[in-house]
N, C-alpha and C. Protein backbone atom coordinates (compact mmCIF):
# COMPACT_ATOMS: atom_id res chain seq x y z
N MET A 1 64.35 116.16 64.60
CA MET A 1 64.30 114.78 65.09
C MET A 1 63.44 114.81 66.36
N PRO A 2 62.42 113.97 66.44
CA PRO A 2 61.54 114.01 67.62
C PRO A 2 62.24 113.43 68.80
N ALA A 3 61.76 113.83 69.97
CA ALA A 3 62.29 113.31 71.21
C ALA A 3 61.88 111.87 71.38
N SER A 4 62.69 111.05 72.01
CA SER A 4 62.36 109.64 72.18
C SER A 4 61.31 109.46 73.22
N ARG A 5 60.62 108.35 73.17
CA ARG A 5 59.56 108.03 74.07
C ARG A 5 60.13 107.94 75.50
N GLY A 6 59.44 108.45 76.44
CA GLY A 6 59.84 108.39 77.86
C GLY A 6 60.75 109.47 78.25
N SER A 7 61.00 110.45 77.39
CA SER A 7 61.88 111.52 77.78
C SER A 7 61.09 112.63 78.49
N HIS A 8 61.79 113.48 79.11
CA HIS A 8 61.10 114.55 79.91
C HIS A 8 61.23 115.91 79.22
N ARG A 9 62.16 116.06 78.26
CA ARG A 9 62.32 117.36 77.58
C ARG A 9 62.37 117.13 76.10
N PRO A 10 62.09 118.14 75.32
CA PRO A 10 62.22 118.00 73.88
C PRO A 10 63.71 117.97 73.49
N ALA A 11 63.99 117.56 72.28
CA ALA A 11 65.35 117.52 71.78
C ALA A 11 65.98 118.91 71.81
N SER A 12 67.26 118.99 72.05
CA SER A 12 67.98 120.26 71.96
C SER A 12 68.10 120.65 70.50
N ARG A 13 68.02 121.95 70.24
CA ARG A 13 68.09 122.43 68.86
C ARG A 13 69.15 123.53 68.70
N ASP A 14 69.80 123.61 67.51
CA ASP A 14 70.77 124.64 67.26
C ASP A 14 70.02 125.90 66.85
N ILE A 15 70.75 126.96 66.46
CA ILE A 15 70.07 128.23 66.15
C ILE A 15 69.21 128.15 64.89
N ASP A 16 69.39 127.16 64.02
CA ASP A 16 68.54 127.01 62.86
C ASP A 16 67.35 126.13 63.13
N GLY A 17 67.21 125.64 64.38
CA GLY A 17 66.07 124.83 64.74
C GLY A 17 66.33 123.34 64.48
N GLU A 18 67.50 122.94 64.06
CA GLU A 18 67.82 121.55 63.81
C GLU A 18 68.06 120.86 65.15
N ALA A 19 67.63 119.62 65.23
CA ALA A 19 67.84 118.87 66.47
C ALA A 19 69.35 118.49 66.59
N LEU A 20 69.86 118.74 67.75
CA LEU A 20 71.25 118.41 68.04
C LEU A 20 71.38 117.02 68.71
N ILE A 21 70.67 116.84 69.82
CA ILE A 21 70.72 115.63 70.55
C ILE A 21 69.31 115.24 70.97
N ALA A 22 68.92 114.07 70.65
CA ALA A 22 67.59 113.65 71.10
C ALA A 22 67.70 113.37 72.58
N GLU A 23 66.64 113.60 73.27
CA GLU A 23 66.59 113.35 74.73
C GLU A 23 66.81 111.89 74.98
N VAL A 24 67.63 111.59 75.97
CA VAL A 24 68.02 110.25 76.33
C VAL A 24 67.00 109.70 77.29
N PRO A 25 66.55 108.47 77.06
CA PRO A 25 65.58 107.87 77.98
C PRO A 25 66.13 107.81 79.42
N LEU A 26 65.24 107.83 80.35
CA LEU A 26 65.58 107.83 81.77
C LEU A 26 66.52 106.67 82.18
N ALA A 27 66.22 105.47 81.65
CA ALA A 27 67.10 104.30 81.99
C ALA A 27 68.53 104.51 81.48
N VAL A 28 68.70 105.13 80.30
CA VAL A 28 70.03 105.34 79.80
C VAL A 28 70.76 106.38 80.63
N ARG A 29 70.05 107.42 81.06
CA ARG A 29 70.68 108.48 81.88
C ARG A 29 71.11 107.85 83.20
N PHE A 30 70.26 106.96 83.79
CA PHE A 30 70.60 106.31 85.05
C PHE A 30 71.87 105.45 84.89
N ALA A 31 71.92 104.67 83.79
CA ALA A 31 73.08 103.81 83.56
C ALA A 31 74.34 104.59 83.35
N THR A 32 74.23 105.74 82.71
CA THR A 32 75.36 106.63 82.52
C THR A 32 75.90 107.18 83.85
N LEU A 33 74.97 107.61 84.71
CA LEU A 33 75.34 108.08 86.05
C LEU A 33 75.99 106.98 86.86
N LEU A 34 75.43 105.79 86.76
CA LEU A 34 75.97 104.65 87.50
C LEU A 34 77.39 104.36 87.03
N LEU A 35 77.62 104.35 85.71
CA LEU A 35 78.92 104.12 85.14
C LEU A 35 79.94 105.21 85.58
N ALA A 36 79.50 106.46 85.52
CA ALA A 36 80.38 107.55 85.98
C ALA A 36 80.76 107.42 87.42
N GLY A 37 79.83 107.03 88.26
CA GLY A 37 80.11 106.82 89.67
C GLY A 37 81.11 105.72 89.87
N SER A 38 80.96 104.61 89.10
CA SER A 38 81.89 103.48 89.18
C SER A 38 83.31 103.94 88.81
N VAL A 39 83.39 104.71 87.72
CA VAL A 39 84.73 105.21 87.31
C VAL A 39 85.37 106.06 88.37
N ALA A 40 84.56 106.92 89.00
CA ALA A 40 85.06 107.78 90.09
C ALA A 40 85.58 106.94 91.23
N VAL A 41 84.87 105.88 91.61
CA VAL A 41 85.29 105.05 92.68
C VAL A 41 86.56 104.32 92.33
N LEU A 42 86.60 103.73 91.14
CA LEU A 42 87.81 103.05 90.70
C LEU A 42 89.02 103.95 90.57
N SER A 43 88.86 105.16 90.09
CA SER A 43 89.97 106.04 89.97
C SER A 43 90.46 106.47 91.36
N GLY A 44 89.55 106.60 92.32
CA GLY A 44 89.96 106.85 93.69
C GLY A 44 90.71 105.74 94.30
N SER A 45 90.36 104.48 93.99
CA SER A 45 91.08 103.33 94.57
C SER A 45 92.43 103.19 93.97
N SER A 46 92.60 103.61 92.72
CA SER A 46 93.95 103.51 92.10
C SER A 46 94.89 104.52 92.72
N ALA A 47 94.32 105.67 93.20
CA ALA A 47 95.19 106.61 93.85
C ALA A 47 95.64 106.10 95.18
N ARG A 48 94.79 105.30 95.84
CA ARG A 48 95.18 104.69 97.12
C ARG A 48 96.17 103.57 96.88
N SER A 49 96.27 103.04 95.71
CA SER A 49 97.27 101.95 95.50
C SER A 49 98.66 102.47 95.28
N GLN A 50 98.83 103.81 95.26
CA GLN A 50 100.17 104.37 95.11
C GLN A 50 101.01 103.93 96.31
N PRO A 51 102.30 103.76 96.12
CA PRO A 51 103.15 103.32 97.26
C PRO A 51 103.09 104.35 98.38
N THR A 52 103.13 103.86 99.61
CA THR A 52 103.16 104.75 100.76
C THR A 52 104.54 105.41 100.76
N PRO A 53 104.59 106.71 101.02
CA PRO A 53 105.88 107.40 101.05
C PRO A 53 106.80 106.76 102.09
N ILE A 54 108.06 106.73 101.78
CA ILE A 54 109.07 106.18 102.65
C ILE A 54 109.33 107.15 103.75
N ASN A 55 109.43 106.57 105.00
CA ASN A 55 109.52 107.44 106.19
C ASN A 55 110.74 107.16 107.02
N ASN A 56 111.62 106.19 106.66
CA ASN A 56 112.79 105.92 107.46
C ASN A 56 113.83 105.12 106.64
N TRP A 57 114.97 104.90 107.24
CA TRP A 57 116.07 104.23 106.51
C TRP A 57 115.75 102.73 106.25
N VAL A 58 115.05 102.10 107.14
CA VAL A 58 114.68 100.68 106.95
C VAL A 58 113.81 100.56 105.71
N GLU A 59 112.82 101.43 105.57
CA GLU A 59 111.92 101.42 104.44
C GLU A 59 112.69 101.80 103.17
N PHE A 60 113.64 102.73 103.29
CA PHE A 60 114.43 103.11 102.17
C PHE A 60 115.25 101.93 101.62
N ARG A 61 115.89 101.19 102.51
CA ARG A 61 116.64 100.01 102.12
C ARG A 61 115.78 98.97 101.43
N LYS A 62 114.61 98.74 101.98
CA LYS A 62 113.69 97.75 101.38
C LYS A 62 113.27 98.20 100.01
N ALA A 63 113.01 99.46 99.80
CA ALA A 63 112.54 99.94 98.46
C ALA A 63 113.69 99.82 97.47
N VAL A 64 114.90 100.16 97.83
CA VAL A 64 116.03 100.03 96.91
C VAL A 64 116.28 98.55 96.61
N ALA A 65 116.28 97.72 97.61
CA ALA A 65 116.45 96.28 97.39
C ALA A 65 115.43 95.69 96.46
N ALA A 66 114.17 96.09 96.60
CA ALA A 66 113.11 95.61 95.71
C ALA A 66 113.25 96.04 94.29
N CYS A 67 114.02 97.13 94.09
CA CYS A 67 114.20 97.71 92.74
C CYS A 67 115.37 97.08 91.99
N TRP A 68 116.26 96.39 92.74
CA TRP A 68 117.51 95.88 92.12
C TRP A 68 117.26 94.51 91.51
N MET A 69 117.56 94.36 90.21
CA MET A 69 117.42 93.10 89.50
C MET A 69 118.91 92.60 89.33
N VAL A 70 119.28 91.60 90.11
CA VAL A 70 120.69 91.13 90.11
C VAL A 70 120.90 90.20 88.91
N PRO A 71 121.86 90.50 88.04
CA PRO A 71 122.09 89.67 86.91
C PRO A 71 122.80 88.38 87.31
N SER A 72 122.45 87.28 86.64
CA SER A 72 123.12 86.02 86.94
C SER A 72 124.58 86.05 86.45
N GLY A 73 125.40 85.17 87.09
CA GLY A 73 126.81 85.07 86.68
C GLY A 73 127.67 86.20 87.21
N THR A 74 127.16 86.97 88.21
CA THR A 74 127.91 88.07 88.75
C THR A 74 128.24 87.92 90.23
N GLU A 75 128.13 86.69 90.73
CA GLU A 75 128.39 86.43 92.15
C GLU A 75 129.81 86.95 92.53
N GLY A 76 129.87 87.63 93.65
CA GLY A 76 131.12 88.19 94.12
C GLY A 76 131.34 89.65 93.72
N SER A 77 130.52 90.22 92.87
CA SER A 77 130.68 91.61 92.43
C SER A 77 130.07 92.56 93.45
N LEU A 78 130.59 93.77 93.39
CA LEU A 78 130.02 94.88 94.16
C LEU A 78 130.26 96.17 93.47
N ILE A 79 129.43 97.12 93.73
CA ILE A 79 129.59 98.51 93.25
C ILE A 79 129.04 99.42 94.29
N ALA A 80 129.71 100.55 94.52
CA ALA A 80 129.25 101.50 95.57
C ALA A 80 129.18 102.86 94.93
N TYR A 81 128.17 103.58 95.39
CA TYR A 81 127.93 104.98 94.92
C TYR A 81 127.84 105.91 96.09
N ARG A 82 128.14 107.17 95.82
CA ARG A 82 127.89 108.28 96.75
C ARG A 82 127.09 109.35 95.97
N PHE A 83 126.01 109.77 96.55
CA PHE A 83 125.15 110.78 95.88
C PHE A 83 124.31 111.46 96.91
N GLY A 84 123.73 112.56 96.54
CA GLY A 84 122.82 113.25 97.41
C GLY A 84 121.39 113.13 96.94
N LEU A 85 120.45 113.26 97.81
CA LEU A 85 119.03 113.27 97.51
C LEU A 85 118.43 114.61 97.98
N ASP A 86 117.49 115.13 97.21
CA ASP A 86 116.80 116.32 97.68
C ASP A 86 115.60 115.89 98.53
N LYS A 87 114.92 116.90 99.06
CA LYS A 87 113.82 116.60 99.98
C LYS A 87 112.64 115.87 99.33
N THR A 88 112.61 115.78 98.02
CA THR A 88 111.53 115.03 97.40
C THR A 88 111.94 113.59 97.06
N GLY A 89 113.20 113.21 97.42
CA GLY A 89 113.67 111.84 97.11
C GLY A 89 114.34 111.72 95.74
N ALA A 90 114.59 112.82 95.09
CA ALA A 90 115.25 112.81 93.77
C ALA A 90 116.76 112.96 93.91
N ILE A 91 117.52 112.28 93.06
CA ILE A 91 118.98 112.40 93.10
C ILE A 91 119.44 113.79 92.72
N ARG A 92 120.36 114.36 93.48
CA ARG A 92 120.99 115.63 93.17
C ARG A 92 122.30 115.36 92.48
N GLY A 93 122.49 115.88 91.34
CA GLY A 93 123.73 115.75 90.61
C GLY A 93 123.92 114.34 90.07
N LYS A 94 125.14 114.04 89.71
CA LYS A 94 125.53 112.72 89.15
C LYS A 94 126.09 111.84 90.23
N PRO A 95 125.56 110.66 90.44
CA PRO A 95 126.12 109.72 91.42
C PRO A 95 127.59 109.37 91.06
N LEU A 96 128.42 109.32 92.10
CA LEU A 96 129.82 109.02 91.96
C LEU A 96 130.07 107.55 92.34
N ILE A 97 130.72 106.79 91.48
CA ILE A 97 131.13 105.43 91.84
C ILE A 97 132.36 105.52 92.75
N THR A 98 132.25 105.02 93.96
CA THR A 98 133.37 105.11 94.89
C THR A 98 134.08 103.76 95.04
N ALA A 99 133.48 102.68 94.64
CA ALA A 99 134.18 101.35 94.71
C ALA A 99 133.57 100.46 93.66
N ARG A 100 134.36 99.56 93.14
CA ARG A 100 133.87 98.64 92.10
C ARG A 100 134.73 97.37 92.13
N ARG A 101 134.06 96.27 92.29
CA ARG A 101 134.77 94.97 92.13
C ARG A 101 133.82 94.11 91.29
N LEU A 102 134.12 93.96 90.04
CA LEU A 102 133.26 93.26 89.11
C LEU A 102 133.90 91.91 88.79
N VAL A 103 133.08 90.85 88.93
CA VAL A 103 133.50 89.48 88.77
C VAL A 103 132.77 88.85 87.56
N GLY A 104 133.50 88.03 86.83
CA GLY A 104 132.89 87.34 85.67
C GLY A 104 133.55 87.85 84.39
N ASP A 105 132.95 87.38 83.28
CA ASP A 105 133.47 87.80 81.96
C ASP A 105 133.04 89.24 81.72
N ASP A 106 133.50 89.77 80.60
CA ASP A 106 133.23 91.20 80.31
C ASP A 106 131.72 91.49 80.24
N ASP A 107 130.95 90.53 79.70
CA ASP A 107 129.51 90.74 79.60
C ASP A 107 128.88 90.77 81.01
N ALA A 108 129.28 89.84 81.86
CA ALA A 108 128.75 89.83 83.24
C ALA A 108 129.09 91.08 83.99
N LYS A 109 130.33 91.59 83.84
CA LYS A 109 130.73 92.81 84.49
C LYS A 109 129.89 93.99 84.03
N HIS A 110 129.67 94.03 82.72
CA HIS A 110 128.82 95.13 82.13
C HIS A 110 127.42 95.04 82.65
N ARG A 111 126.83 93.85 82.66
CA ARG A 111 125.45 93.69 83.10
C ARG A 111 125.30 94.05 84.60
N TYR A 112 126.29 93.76 85.42
CA TYR A 112 126.21 94.06 86.83
C TYR A 112 126.26 95.58 87.01
N GLU A 113 127.17 96.25 86.32
CA GLU A 113 127.26 97.70 86.43
C GLU A 113 125.96 98.36 85.93
N GLU A 114 125.43 97.87 84.85
CA GLU A 114 124.18 98.39 84.29
C GLU A 114 123.03 98.18 85.25
N ALA A 115 122.93 97.01 85.84
CA ALA A 115 121.80 96.72 86.78
C ALA A 115 121.85 97.67 87.96
N ALA A 116 123.02 97.95 88.49
CA ALA A 116 123.11 98.91 89.62
C ALA A 116 122.78 100.31 89.17
N SER A 117 123.27 100.69 88.01
CA SER A 117 122.97 102.05 87.47
C SER A 117 121.47 102.22 87.20
N GLU A 118 120.84 101.16 86.75
CA GLU A 118 119.40 101.23 86.46
C GLU A 118 118.57 101.49 87.71
N VAL A 119 119.03 100.98 88.88
CA VAL A 119 118.33 101.27 90.10
C VAL A 119 118.24 102.82 90.33
N LEU A 120 119.37 103.48 90.06
CA LEU A 120 119.44 104.90 90.29
C LEU A 120 118.57 105.64 89.30
N SER A 121 118.53 105.19 88.05
CA SER A 121 117.74 105.91 87.03
C SER A 121 116.27 105.53 87.09
N ARG A 122 115.92 104.31 87.42
CA ARG A 122 114.55 103.83 87.33
C ARG A 122 113.80 104.01 88.61
N CYS A 123 114.44 103.98 89.75
CA CYS A 123 113.76 103.92 91.03
C CYS A 123 113.80 105.24 91.83
N PHE A 124 114.43 106.21 91.31
CA PHE A 124 114.43 107.53 91.92
C PHE A 124 113.80 108.53 90.94
N PRO A 125 113.07 109.51 91.36
CA PRO A 125 112.89 109.81 92.79
C PRO A 125 111.94 108.82 93.48
N MET A 126 112.16 108.61 94.75
CA MET A 126 111.29 107.81 95.58
C MET A 126 110.36 108.74 96.34
N ALA A 127 109.16 108.28 96.49
CA ALA A 127 108.18 109.06 97.28
C ALA A 127 108.62 108.98 98.74
N VAL A 128 108.87 110.13 99.36
CA VAL A 128 109.27 110.16 100.77
C VAL A 128 108.38 111.14 101.54
N THR A 129 108.27 110.90 102.83
CA THR A 129 107.52 111.82 103.62
C THR A 129 108.30 113.13 103.79
N PRO A 130 107.64 114.20 104.08
CA PRO A 130 108.37 115.47 104.26
C PRO A 130 109.44 115.36 105.37
N SER A 131 109.14 114.70 106.46
CA SER A 131 110.08 114.60 107.58
C SER A 131 111.31 113.78 107.18
N PHE A 132 111.12 112.68 106.44
CA PHE A 132 112.28 111.90 106.00
C PHE A 132 113.04 112.66 104.90
N GLY A 133 112.36 113.32 104.03
CA GLY A 133 112.98 114.10 102.95
C GLY A 133 113.86 115.24 103.52
N ALA A 134 113.46 115.74 104.66
CA ALA A 134 114.28 116.81 105.28
C ALA A 134 115.62 116.36 105.70
N ILE A 135 115.79 115.05 105.95
CA ILE A 135 117.09 114.51 106.37
C ILE A 135 118.12 114.48 105.26
N PHE A 136 117.63 114.35 103.97
CA PHE A 136 118.54 114.11 102.87
C PHE A 136 119.56 115.24 102.60
N GLY A 137 119.20 116.45 102.90
CA GLY A 137 120.14 117.55 102.65
C GLY A 137 121.30 117.58 103.59
N GLU A 138 121.26 116.79 104.65
CA GLU A 138 122.29 116.84 105.69
C GLU A 138 123.60 116.09 105.32
N SER A 139 123.47 115.00 104.57
CA SER A 139 124.70 114.25 104.27
C SER A 139 124.43 113.40 103.02
N PRO A 140 125.52 112.96 102.34
CA PRO A 140 125.34 112.15 101.18
C PRO A 140 124.91 110.72 101.55
N ILE A 141 124.38 110.04 100.55
CA ILE A 141 124.02 108.63 100.65
C ILE A 141 125.17 107.80 100.18
N TYR A 142 125.54 106.78 100.94
CA TYR A 142 126.55 105.80 100.53
C TYR A 142 125.78 104.48 100.27
N LEU A 143 125.67 104.11 99.03
CA LEU A 143 124.86 102.95 98.64
C LEU A 143 125.72 101.91 97.95
N ARG A 144 125.78 100.69 98.52
CA ARG A 144 126.53 99.57 97.97
C ARG A 144 125.62 98.46 97.51
N PHE A 145 125.85 97.95 96.32
CA PHE A 145 125.13 96.78 95.83
C PHE A 145 126.14 95.65 95.85
N VAL A 146 125.85 94.62 96.62
CA VAL A 146 126.83 93.53 96.88
C VAL A 146 126.18 92.20 96.52
N ASN A 147 126.89 91.48 95.66
CA ASN A 147 126.40 90.16 95.24
C ASN A 147 127.21 89.05 95.93
N THR A 148 127.12 89.02 97.24
CA THR A 148 127.77 87.97 98.06
C THR A 148 126.72 87.56 99.10
N LYS A 149 127.08 86.56 99.89
CA LYS A 149 126.23 86.22 100.98
C LYS A 149 126.23 87.38 101.99
N PRO A 150 125.07 87.65 102.56
CA PRO A 150 125.00 88.76 103.53
C PRO A 150 126.01 88.59 104.67
N THR A 151 126.63 89.68 105.05
CA THR A 151 127.52 89.72 106.22
C THR A 151 127.10 90.91 107.04
N ALA A 152 127.71 91.02 108.22
CA ALA A 152 127.46 92.21 109.02
C ALA A 152 127.96 93.41 108.21
N ALA A 153 127.10 94.35 108.05
CA ALA A 153 127.50 95.52 107.26
C ALA A 153 127.18 96.76 108.07
N TYR A 154 127.87 97.82 107.74
CA TYR A 154 127.73 99.10 108.37
C TYR A 154 126.40 99.69 107.83
N GLN A 155 125.32 99.54 108.56
CA GLN A 155 124.00 99.93 108.11
C GLN A 155 123.43 101.03 109.03
N ILE A 156 124.10 102.13 109.12
CA ILE A 156 123.60 103.16 109.98
C ILE A 156 123.18 104.39 109.07
N ASN A 157 121.90 104.68 109.15
CA ASN A 157 121.31 105.81 108.41
C ASN A 157 121.71 105.80 106.96
N ASN A 158 122.51 106.75 106.53
CA ASN A 158 122.78 106.94 105.10
C ASN A 158 123.82 105.98 104.55
N ASN A 159 124.35 105.03 105.30
CA ASN A 159 125.20 103.99 104.82
C ASN A 159 124.32 102.78 104.53
N VAL A 160 124.09 102.52 103.28
CA VAL A 160 123.12 101.49 102.87
C VAL A 160 123.84 100.42 102.04
N THR A 161 123.79 99.17 102.53
CA THR A 161 124.33 98.06 101.77
C THR A 161 123.15 97.14 101.39
N ILE A 162 123.05 96.86 100.08
CA ILE A 162 122.00 96.00 99.62
C ILE A 162 122.66 94.69 99.14
N PHE A 163 122.31 93.59 99.77
CA PHE A 163 122.89 92.28 99.37
C PHE A 163 121.91 91.63 98.36
N ALA A 164 122.47 90.90 97.44
CA ALA A 164 121.68 90.15 96.49
C ALA A 164 120.86 89.09 97.21
N PRO A 165 119.66 88.86 96.81
CA PRO A 165 118.88 87.74 97.39
C PRO A 165 119.59 86.40 97.20
N GLN A 166 119.58 85.60 98.21
CA GLN A 166 120.28 84.28 98.12
C GLN A 166 119.31 83.16 97.87
């Protein structure tokens, strides 16, 4: 197969002398390079769109709250967990339910418990900074999901109460 017009090299050939790839015109090579550069830039920007690692308890509370989908018809319910996190933000072992007050019919109670449990399975591990991750081995996390109007809550470090949005 002859090389195309405007090419700079002859077509590549296999060991039998057959043409493998015809030389690509200069404009096509330029377009290919331009496209490859665009892909590299776009893939770099998607890496920057990753969430910023969590660096403190305030950010931790916000991330957990953003992850919780509160089911309707469960007003007045609460569920509390105790669990550990490793330095990477992953749950260690199985979370223990330490308190539960479920309000509504059986379906509402089930949906509330499932919604809280899904936060633990869907939203962990959380990306954390090495310095914040180092704190997790020191003590367990006490996490409460409360579907009531916000009240003064014990919110010191690893005691985390998440109130349903009102």
